[in-house]
Amino acid sequence: MGTSENKQLLQSIFDGLATGDGRTFNESLADDFCWHMIGDNAWSGSYRGKKEVREKLLDPLFEQFATRYTNKAVRFIAEGDFVVVECRGDVMAKTGKRYNNTYCWVCRVEDGKLKELMEYMDTALVERALGKPFAEASAG
């Protein structure tokens, strides 16, 4: 796939995420997809493979939300296998705080699937608005 097809894939993913529909995102993940979350907080780290992404990142994250999560793209920049998406998430957390983070996703696409995502965000907002991942919270 070329640059324009990779950009189009991310645009279709964000068409769904803007309304709280993550199906296209989930269907677009390569089996060995890797999600890197920057920073130094309970959510930071690298999650490798669809199963680990689901079980250790997405399920615990969505457990934190009291309302439907949306993520709206502001702009797309694409070159070759990479698509950079500036986006804005919004949801009410169960902590009672609004989690309206600003993100920069650097995505690598391979063979029509999301292969890697490097997520840059407001890590201080993560600490203020979200609790710890439930696996970590129940262990400690």
C-alpha atoms as a PDB file:
ATOM      1  CA  MET A   1       0.000   0.000   0.000  1.00  0.00           C
ATOM      2  CA  GLY A   2       1.144   3.522  -0.697  1.00  0.00           C
ATOM      3  CA  THR A   3       1.021   6.753   1.249  1.00  0.00           C
ATOM      4  CA  SER A   4      -2.493   7.716   0.139  1.00  0.00           C
ATOM      5  CA  GLU A   5      -3.944   4.280   1.025  1.00  0.00           C
ATOM      6  CA  ASN A   6      -2.268   4.367   4.439  1.00  0.00           C
ATOM      7  CA  LYS A   7      -3.670   7.839   5.094  1.00  0.00           C
ATOM      8  CA  GLN A   8      -7.098   6.698   3.944  1.00  0.00           C
ATOM      9  CA  LEU A   9      -6.952   3.760   6.389  1.00  0.00           C
ATOM     10  CA  LEU A  10      -6.307   6.108   9.307  1.00  0.00           C
ATOM     11  CA  GLN A  11      -9.022   8.491   8.124  1.00  0.00           C
ATOM     12  CA  SER A  12     -11.552   5.635   8.084  1.00  0.00           C
ATOM     13  CA  ILE A  13     -10.418   4.544  11.565  1.00  0.00           C
ATOM     14  CA  PHE A  14     -10.993   8.075  12.871  1.00  0.00           C
ATOM     15  CA  ASP A  15     -14.369   8.355  11.139  1.00  0.00           C
ATOM     16  CA  GLY A  16     -15.455   5.616  13.538  1.00  0.00           C
ATOM     17  CA  LEU A  17     -13.558   6.823  16.600  1.00  0.00           C
ATOM     18  CA  ALA A  18     -15.117  10.289  16.246  1.00  0.00           C
ATOM     19  CA  THR A  19     -18.495   8.732  17.059  1.00  0.00           C
ATOM     20  CA  GLY A  20     -17.216   6.230  19.628  1.00  0.00           C
ATOM     21  CA  ASP A  21     -17.088   3.285  17.201  1.00  0.00           C
ATOM     22  CA  GLY A  22     -13.784   1.409  17.501  1.00  0.00           C
ATOM     23  CA  ARG A  23     -14.620  -1.493  15.171  1.00  0.00           C
ATOM     24  CA  THR A  24     -12.519  -0.266  12.225  1.00  0.00           C
ATOM     25  CA  PHE A  25      -9.611   0.454  14.569  1.00  0.00           C
ATOM     26  CA  ASN A  26      -9.797  -3.045  16.080  1.00  0.00           C
ATOM     27  CA  GLU A  27     -10.181  -4.724  12.681  1.00  0.00           C
ATOM     28  CA  SER A  28      -7.149  -2.819  11.356  1.00  0.00           C
ATOM     29  CA  LEU A  29      -4.672  -4.096  13.954  1.00  0.00           C
ATOM     30  CA  ALA A  30      -2.009  -6.497  12.741  1.00  0.00           C
ATOM     31  CA  ASP A  31      -1.710  -9.646  14.880  1.00  0.00           C
ATOM     32  CA  ASP A  32       1.719  -8.462  16.067  1.00  0.00           C
ATOM     33  CA  PHE A  33       0.618  -4.844  16.512  1.00  0.00           C
ATOM     34  CA  CYS A  34       2.665  -2.853  19.059  1.00  0.00           C
ATOM     35  CA  TRP A  35       1.385   0.212  20.960  1.00  0.00           C
ATOM     36  CA  HIS A  36       3.961   2.396  22.728  1.00  0.00           C
ATOM     37  CA  MET A  37       2.685   4.903  25.300  1.00  0.00           C
ATOM     38  CA  ILE A  38       5.253   7.505  26.259  1.00  0.00           C
ATOM     39  CA  GLY A  39       5.818   8.921  29.701  1.00  0.00           C
ATOM     40  CA  ASP A  40       6.379   7.664  33.186  1.00  0.00           C
ATOM     41  CA  ASN A  41       3.033   6.712  34.686  1.00  0.00           C
ATOM     42  CA  ALA A  42       1.022   3.579  35.380  1.00  0.00           C
ATOM     43  CA  TRP A  43      -0.158   3.380  31.747  1.00  0.00           C
ATOM     44  CA  SER A  44       3.210   4.024  30.064  1.00  0.00           C
ATOM     45  CA  GLY A  45       5.021   1.245  28.281  1.00  0.00           C
ATOM     46  CA  SER A  46       4.912  -0.968  25.223  1.00  0.00           C
ATOM     47  CA  TYR A  47       2.067  -3.388  24.607  1.00  0.00           C
ATOM     48  CA  ARG A  48       2.893  -6.108  22.071  1.00  0.00           C
ATOM     49  CA  GLY A  49       0.388  -8.172  20.126  1.00  0.00           C
ATOM     50  CA  LYS A  50      -3.367  -7.715  19.763  1.00  0.00           C
ATOM     51  CA  LYS A  51      -4.091  -9.892  22.804  1.00  0.00           C
ATOM     52  CA  GLU A  52      -1.802  -7.940  25.126  1.00  0.00           C
ATOM     53  CA  VAL A  53      -3.026  -4.595  23.768  1.00  0.00           C
ATOM     54  CA  ARG A  54      -6.596  -5.663  24.477  1.00  0.00           C
ATOM     55  CA  GLU A  55      -6.031  -7.260  27.897  1.00  0.00           C
ATOM     56  CA  LYS A  56      -3.406  -4.965  29.417  1.00  0.00           C
ATOM     57  CA  LEU A  57      -4.222  -1.613  27.804  1.00  0.00           C
ATOM     58  CA  LEU A  58      -7.633  -1.234  26.184  1.00  0.00           C
ATOM     59  CA  ASP A  59      -9.809  -3.287  28.546  1.00  0.00           C
ATOM     60  CA  PRO A  60      -8.355  -1.656  31.696  1.00  0.00           C
ATOM     61  CA  LEU A  61      -8.493   1.774  30.047  1.00  0.00           C
ATOM     62  CA  PHE A  62     -12.116   1.509  28.963  1.00  0.00           C
ATOM     63  CA  GLU A  63     -12.989   0.203  32.428  1.00  0.00           C
ATOM     64  CA  GLN A  64     -11.996   3.707  33.628  1.00  0.00           C
ATOM     65  CA  PHE A  65     -14.617   5.440  31.464  1.00  0.00           C
ATOM     66  CA  ALA A  66     -18.101   6.444  32.628  1.00  0.00           C
ATOM     67  CA  THR A  67     -19.261   7.622  29.186  1.00  0.00           C
ATOM     68  CA  ARG A  68     -18.590   6.719  25.559  1.00  0.00           C
ATOM     69  CA  TYR A  69     -15.044   7.565  24.457  1.00  0.00           C
ATOM     70  CA  THR A  70     -14.564   9.545  21.260  1.00  0.00           C
ATOM     71  CA  ASN A  71     -11.367  10.537  19.485  1.00  0.00           C
ATOM     72  CA  LYS A  72     -11.499  13.142  16.719  1.00  0.00           C
ATOM     73  CA  ALA A  73      -8.691  13.744  14.251  1.00  0.00           C
ATOM     74  CA  VAL A  74      -7.476  17.298  13.736  1.00  0.00           C
ATOM     75  CA  ARG A  75      -4.978  16.544  10.966  1.00  0.00           C
ATOM     76  CA  PHE A  76      -3.244  13.736   9.129  1.00  0.00           C
ATOM     77  CA  ILE A  77       0.311  13.836   7.795  1.00  0.00           C
ATOM     78  CA  ALA A  78       1.417  10.855   5.750  1.00  0.00           C
ATOM     79  CA  GLU A  79       4.677   9.724   4.199  1.00  0.00           C
ATOM     80  CA  GLY A  80       5.304   6.179   3.044  1.00  0.00           C
ATOM     81  CA  ASP A  81       4.410   3.648   5.749  1.00  0.00           C
ATOM     82  CA  PHE A  82       3.850   6.369   8.381  1.00  0.00           C
ATOM     83  CA  VAL A  83       0.735   8.372   9.144  1.00  0.00           C
ATOM     84  CA  VAL A  84       0.839  10.978  11.898  1.00  0.00           C
ATOM     85  CA  VAL A  85      -2.507  11.888  13.423  1.00  0.00           C
ATOM     86  CA  GLU A  86      -3.078  14.839  15.723  1.00  0.00           C
ATOM     87  CA  CYS A  87      -6.250  14.012  17.615  1.00  0.00           C
ATOM     88  CA  ARG A  88      -8.404  14.873  20.611  1.00  0.00           C
ATOM     89  CA  GLY A  89     -10.002  12.298  22.880  1.00  0.00           C
ATOM     90  CA  ASP A  90     -12.950  13.008  25.132  1.00  0.00           C
ATOM     91  CA  VAL A  91     -14.710  11.001  27.830  1.00  0.00           C
ATOM     92  CA  MET A  92     -15.855  11.335  31.431  1.00  0.00           C
ATOM     93  CA  ALA A  93     -13.763   9.109  33.683  1.00  0.00           C
ATOM     94  CA  LYS A  94     -15.259   7.181  36.589  1.00  0.00           C
ATOM     95  CA  THR A  95     -13.097   9.373  38.818  1.00  0.00           C
ATOM     96  CA  GLY A  96     -15.540  12.185  37.954  1.00  0.00           C
ATOM     97  CA  LYS A  97     -12.890  14.020  35.960  1.00  0.00           C
ATOM     98  CA  ARG A  98     -13.036  14.797  32.262  1.00  0.00           C
ATOM     99  CA  TYR A  99     -10.377  12.932  30.301  1.00  0.00           C
ATOM    100  CA  ASN A 100     -10.037  15.086  27.202  1.00  0.00           C
ATOM    101  CA  ASN A 101      -6.500  14.332  26.163  1.00  0.00           C
ATOM    102  CA  THR A 102      -4.611  15.737  23.200  1.00  0.00           C
ATOM    103  CA  TYR A 103      -2.638  13.136  21.271  1.00  0.00           C
ATOM    104  CA  CYS A 104      -0.126  12.753  18.515  1.00  0.00           C
ATOM    105  CA  TRP A 105      -0.233   9.240  17.113  1.00  0.00           C
ATOM    106  CA  VAL A 106       2.656   8.178  14.902  1.00  0.00           C
ATOM    107  CA  CYS A 107       1.321   5.107  13.126  1.00  0.00           C
ATOM    108  CA  ARG A 108       3.158   2.633  10.948  1.00  0.00           C
ATOM    109  CA  VAL A 109       1.048   0.742   8.442  1.00  0.00           C
ATOM    110  CA  GLU A 110       2.156  -2.503   6.819  1.00  0.00           C
ATOM    111  CA  ASP A 111       0.123  -4.477   4.281  1.00  0.00           C
ATOM    112  CA  GLY A 112      -3.041  -2.525   5.069  1.00  0.00           C
ATOM    113  CA  LYS A 113      -2.843  -3.105   8.840  1.00  0.00           C
ATOM    114  CA  LEU A 114      -1.714  -0.981  11.763  1.00  0.00           C
ATOM    115  CA  LYS A 115       1.639  -2.439  12.755  1.00  0.00           C
ATOM    116  CA  GLU A 116       2.839   0.095  15.334  1.00  0.00           C
ATOM    117  CA  LEU A 117       1.530   3.134  17.172  1.00  0.00           C
ATOM    118  CA  MET A 118       3.647   5.580  19.170  1.00  0.00           C
ATOM    119  CA  GLU A 119       1.344   7.695  21.337  1.00  0.00           C
ATOM    120  CA  TYR A 120       2.350  11.106  22.656  1.00  0.00           C
ATOM    121  CA  MET A 121      -0.080  12.726  25.094  1.00  0.00           C
ATOM    122  CA  ASP A 122      -0.570  14.884  28.165  1.00  0.00           C
ATOM    123  CA  THR A 123       0.739  12.416  30.738  1.00  0.00           C
ATOM    124  CA  ALA A 124      -0.099  14.744  33.649  1.00  0.00           C
ATOM    125  CA  LEU A 125      -3.762  14.562  32.620  1.00  0.00           C
ATOM    126  CA  VAL A 126      -3.540  10.753  32.684  1.00  0.00           C
ATOM    127  CA  GLU A 127      -2.351  10.955  36.298  1.00  0.00           C
ATOM    128  CA  ARG A 128      -5.080  13.456  37.285  1.00  0.00           C
ATOM    129  CA  ALA A 129      -8.074  11.925  35.525  1.00  0.00           C
ATOM    130  CA  LEU A 130      -7.512   8.169  35.487  1.00  0.00           C
ATOM    131  CA  GLY A 131      -6.896   5.570  38.124  1.00  0.00           C
ATOM    132  CA  LYS A 132      -4.322   2.833  37.740  1.00  0.00           C
ATOM    133  CA  PRO A 133      -4.911  -0.063  35.355  1.00  0.00           C
ATOM    134  CA  PHE A 134      -7.201  -2.508  37.166  1.00  0.00           C
ATOM    135  CA  ALA A 135      -4.620  -5.310  37.185  1.00  0.00           C
ATOM    136  CA  GLU A 136      -2.126  -3.015  38.909  1.00  0.00           C
ATOM    137  CA  ALA A 137      -4.776  -1.474  41.196  1.00  0.00           C
ATOM    138  CA  SER A 138      -5.949  -4.884  42.419  1.00  0.00           C
ATOM    139  CA  ALA A 139      -2.346  -6.019  42.990  1.00  0.00           C
ATOM    140  CA  GLY A 140      -1.435  -3.003  45.064  1.00  0.00           C
END
